C-alpha atoms as a PDB file:
ATOM      1  CA  UNK A   1       5.318 -23.671  45.078  1.00  0.00           C
ATOM      2  CA  UNK A   2       7.748 -21.302  46.793  1.00  0.00           C
ATOM      3  CA  UNK A   3      10.258 -24.105  47.347  1.00  0.00           C
ATOM      4  CA  UNK A   4       9.845 -25.340  43.785  1.00  0.00           C
ATOM      5  CA  UNK A   5      10.253 -21.821  42.460  1.00  0.00           C
ATOM      6  CA  UNK A   6      13.488 -21.389  44.441  1.00  0.00           C
ATOM      7  CA  UNK A   7      14.865 -24.741  43.293  1.00  0.00           C
ATOM      8  CA  UNK A   8      13.715 -24.190  39.727  1.00  0.00           C
ATOM      9  CA  UNK A   9      15.776 -21.051  39.360  1.00  0.00           C
ATOM     10  CA  UNK A  10      19.031 -22.726  40.365  1.00  0.00           C
ATOM     11  CA  UNK A  11      18.373 -26.368  39.430  1.00  0.00           C
ATOM     12  CA  UNK A  12      15.693 -26.582  36.739  1.00  0.00           C
ATOM     13  CA  UNK A  13      16.441 -30.219  35.891  1.00  0.00           C
ATOM     14  CA  UNK A  14      15.972 -31.304  39.514  1.00  0.00           C
ATOM     15  CA  UNK A  15      12.720 -29.345  39.800  1.00  0.00           C
ATOM     16  CA  UNK A  16      11.431 -30.949  36.593  1.00  0.00           C
ATOM     17  CA  UNK A  17      12.410 -34.436  37.790  1.00  0.00           C
ATOM     18  CA  UNK A  18      10.649 -33.845  41.103  1.00  0.00           C
ATOM     19  CA  UNK A  19       7.484 -32.521  39.450  1.00  0.00           C
ATOM     20  CA  UNK A  20       7.404 -35.422  36.997  1.00  0.00           C
ATOM     21  CA  UNK A  21       7.931 -38.007  39.746  1.00  0.00           C
ATOM     22  CA  UNK A  22       5.396 -36.354  42.042  1.00  0.00           C
ATOM     23  CA  UNK A  23       2.612 -35.961  39.488  1.00  0.00           C
ATOM     24  CA  UNK A  24       3.116 -39.538  38.275  1.00  0.00           C
ATOM     25  CA  UNK A  25       2.128 -40.762  41.759  1.00  0.00           C
ATOM     26  CA  UNK A  26      -1.213 -38.961  41.507  1.00  0.00           C
ATOM     27  CA  UNK A  27      -4.301 -40.001  39.607  1.00  0.00           C
ATOM     28  CA  UNK A  28      -7.129 -38.285  37.810  1.00  0.00           C
ATOM     29  CA  UNK A  29      -8.306 -34.976  39.132  1.00  0.00           C
ATOM     30  CA  UNK A  30      -5.464 -34.747  41.680  1.00  0.00           C
ATOM     31  CA  UNK A  31      -2.912 -35.199  38.923  1.00  0.00           C
ATOM     32  CA  UNK A  32      -4.672 -32.623  36.770  1.00  0.00           C
ATOM     33  CA  UNK A  33      -4.828 -30.131  39.646  1.00  0.00           C
ATOM     34  CA  UNK A  34      -1.134 -30.614  40.383  1.00  0.00           C
ATOM     35  CA  UNK A  35      -0.180 -30.240  36.717  1.00  0.00           C
ATOM     36  CA  UNK A  36      -2.177 -27.044  36.459  1.00  0.00           C
ATOM     37  CA  UNK A  37      -0.697 -25.729  39.709  1.00  0.00           C
ATOM     38  CA  UNK A  38       2.893 -26.102  38.479  1.00  0.00           C
ATOM     39  CA  UNK A  39       2.291 -25.161  34.844  1.00  0.00           C
ATOM     40  CA  UNK A  40       3.378 -21.558  35.408  1.00  0.00           C
ATOM     41  CA  UNK A  41       6.782 -22.794  36.556  1.00  0.00           C
ATOM     42  CA  UNK A  42       7.456 -24.175  33.092  1.00  0.00           C
ATOM     43  CA  UNK A  43       6.577 -20.898  31.426  1.00  0.00           C
ATOM     44  CA  UNK A  44       8.544 -18.751  33.867  1.00  0.00           C
ATOM     45  CA  UNK A  45      11.163 -20.511  36.001  1.00  0.00           C
ATOM     46  CA  UNK A  46      11.834 -23.675  33.996  1.00  0.00           C
ATOM     47  CA  UNK A  47      11.590 -22.036  30.587  1.00  0.00           C
ATOM     48  CA  UNK A  48      15.295 -22.732  29.977  1.00  0.00           C
ATOM     49  CA  UNK A  49      14.684 -26.488  29.928  1.00  0.00           C
ATOM     50  CA  UNK A  50      14.439 -28.014  26.503  1.00  0.00           C
ATOM     51  CA  UNK A  51      10.768 -28.207  25.502  1.00  0.00           C
ATOM     52  CA  UNK A  52       9.654 -26.703  28.830  1.00  0.00           C
ATOM     53  CA  UNK A  53       6.321 -25.493  27.509  1.00  0.00           C
ATOM     54  CA  UNK A  54       5.777 -28.791  25.696  1.00  0.00           C
ATOM     55  CA  UNK A  55       6.497 -30.751  28.878  1.00  0.00           C
ATOM     56  CA  UNK A  56       3.991 -28.638  30.774  1.00  0.00           C
ATOM     57  CA  UNK A  57       1.298 -29.058  28.134  1.00  0.00           C
ATOM     58  CA  UNK A  58       1.917 -32.790  27.837  1.00  0.00           C
ATOM     59  CA  UNK A  59       1.526 -33.175  31.592  1.00  0.00           C
ATOM     60  CA  UNK A  60      -1.781 -31.277  31.524  1.00  0.00           C
ATOM     61  CA  UNK A  61      -3.031 -33.260  28.523  1.00  0.00           C
ATOM     62  CA  UNK A  62      -2.078 -36.633  30.034  1.00  0.00           C
ATOM     63  CA  UNK A  63      -3.766 -35.742  33.317  1.00  0.00           C
ATOM     64  CA  UNK A  64      -6.846 -34.467  31.478  1.00  0.00           C
ATOM     65  CA  UNK A  65      -7.159 -37.709  29.528  1.00  0.00           C
ATOM     66  CA  UNK A  66      -6.844 -39.775  32.690  1.00  0.00           C
ATOM     67  CA  UNK A  67      -9.412 -37.585  34.472  1.00  0.00           C
ATOM     68  CA  UNK A  68     -11.888 -37.876  31.600  1.00  0.00           C
ATOM     69  CA  UNK A  69     -11.465 -41.653  31.511  1.00  0.00           C
ATOM     70  CA  UNK A  70     -12.046 -41.918  35.258  1.00  0.00           C
ATOM     71  CA  UNK A  71     -15.121 -39.713  34.951  1.00  0.00           C
ATOM     72  CA  UNK A  72     -16.402 -41.920  32.118  1.00  0.00           C
ATOM     73  CA  UNK A  73     -16.126 -45.019  34.302  1.00  0.00           C
ATOM     74  CA  UNK A  74     -17.776 -43.261  37.219  1.00  0.00           C
ATOM     75  CA  UNK A  75     -20.746 -42.008  35.218  1.00  0.00           C
ATOM     76  CA  UNK A  76     -21.249 -45.382  33.551  1.00  0.00           C
ATOM     77  CA  UNK A  77     -21.702 -47.037  36.960  1.00  0.00           C
ATOM     78  CA  UNK A  78     -24.693 -44.972  38.066  1.00  0.00           C
ATOM     79  CA  UNK A  79     -27.200 -47.149  36.223  1.00  0.00           C
ATOM     80  CA  UNK A  80     -26.664 -49.758  38.930  1.00  0.00           C
ATOM     81  CA  UNK A  81     -27.072 -47.162  41.682  1.00  0.00           C
ATOM     82  CA  UNK A  82     -30.312 -45.833  40.148  1.00  0.00           C
ATOM     83  CA  UNK A  83     -32.223 -48.950  41.192  1.00  0.00           C
ATOM     84  CA  UNK A  84     -31.433 -48.316  44.843  1.00  0.00           C
ATOM     85  CA  UNK A  85     -34.438 -47.196  46.910  1.00  0.00           C
ATOM     86  CA  UNK A  86     -32.269 -44.434  48.386  1.00  0.00           C
ATOM     87  CA  UNK A  87     -31.400 -42.886  45.014  1.00  0.00           C
ATOM     88  CA  UNK A  88     -33.399 -39.800  44.083  1.00  0.00           C
ATOM     89  CA  UNK A  89     -32.554 -40.280  40.399  1.00  0.00           C
ATOM     90  CA  UNK A  90     -33.950 -42.948  38.127  1.00  0.00           C
ATOM     91  CA  UNK A  91     -32.486 -45.196  35.437  1.00  0.00           C
ATOM     92  CA  UNK A  92     -33.433 -42.658  32.761  1.00  0.00           C
ATOM     93  CA  UNK A  93     -31.249 -40.047  34.438  1.00  0.00           C
ATOM     94  CA  UNK A  94     -28.434 -42.563  34.815  1.00  0.00           C
ATOM     95  CA  UNK A  95     -28.775 -43.460  31.131  1.00  0.00           C
ATOM     96  CA  UNK A  96     -28.293 -39.815  30.180  1.00  0.00           C
ATOM     97  CA  UNK A  97     -25.105 -39.751  32.258  1.00  0.00           C
ATOM     98  CA  UNK A  98     -23.931 -42.934  30.566  1.00  0.00           C
ATOM     99  CA  UNK A  99     -24.626 -41.374  27.141  1.00  0.00           C
ATOM    100  CA  UNK A 100     -22.523 -38.370  28.121  1.00  0.00           C
ATOM    101  CA  UNK A 101     -19.736 -40.719  29.251  1.00  0.00           C
ATOM    102  CA  UNK A 102     -19.746 -42.726  26.033  1.00  0.00           C
ATOM    103  CA  UNK A 103     -20.341 -39.700  23.813  1.00  0.00           C
ATOM    104  CA  UNK A 104     -18.802 -36.291  24.483  1.00  0.00           C
ATOM    105  CA  UNK A 105     -16.417 -37.403  27.245  1.00  0.00           C
ATOM    106  CA  UNK A 106     -15.079 -40.311  25.216  1.00  0.00           C
ATOM    107  CA  UNK A 107     -14.704 -38.084  22.162  1.00  0.00           C
ATOM    108  CA  UNK A 108     -12.869 -35.439  24.180  1.00  0.00           C
ATOM    109  CA  UNK A 109     -10.479 -38.035  25.634  1.00  0.00           C
ATOM    110  CA  UNK A 110      -9.802 -39.422  22.156  1.00  0.00           C
ATOM    111  CA  UNK A 111      -9.187 -35.964  20.691  1.00  0.00           C
ATOM    112  CA  UNK A 112      -6.847 -35.043  23.542  1.00  0.00           C
ATOM    113  CA  UNK A 113      -4.965 -38.314  23.040  1.00  0.00           C
ATOM    114  CA  UNK A 114      -4.507 -37.480  19.355  1.00  0.00           C
ATOM    115  CA  UNK A 115      -3.193 -34.024  20.239  1.00  0.00           C
ATOM    116  CA  UNK A 116      -0.836 -35.511  22.828  1.00  0.00           C
ATOM    117  CA  UNK A 117       0.592 -37.855  20.216  1.00  0.00           C
ATOM    118  CA  UNK A 118       1.061 -34.927  17.806  1.00  0.00           C
ATOM    119  CA  UNK A 119       2.788 -32.959  20.554  1.00  0.00           C
ATOM    120  CA  UNK A 120       5.111 -35.886  21.280  1.00  0.00           C
ATOM    121  CA  UNK A 121       5.975 -36.138  17.600  1.00  0.00           C
ATOM    122  CA  UNK A 122       6.692 -32.441  17.278  1.00  0.00           C
ATOM    123  CA  UNK A 123       8.818 -32.418  20.445  1.00  0.00           C
ATOM    124  CA  UNK A 124      11.174 -35.040  19.139  1.00  0.00           C
ATOM    125  CA  UNK A 125      11.165 -34.161  15.448  1.00  0.00           C
ATOM    126  CA  UNK A 126      12.346 -30.595  15.883  1.00  0.00           C
END
């Protein structure tokens, strides 16, 4: 962060390109954590970039959607694990997790996707 902060002050475009390239190599929760970690740079040091705050929010939203989708897939798979003799949870428990994955998590991912699309539209229609 210190290096990025130093570069951001003098070369905001380069810092943004690096952050974008770096976070695009990450997936799910790692990508979300990285996006959250650098979000303050866009509000403070990279604020002079066009749509800096929008870029930051879009990165967080995209990473959140990906994380929710990965979590959905993970939770849906536990019904197969529940039949294992080593599992301390049963198929009923796994079914509840699957219902969460296909209910609230799916709805949240869909709503975030809609908001991301609205943000994209507003960024380029200003």
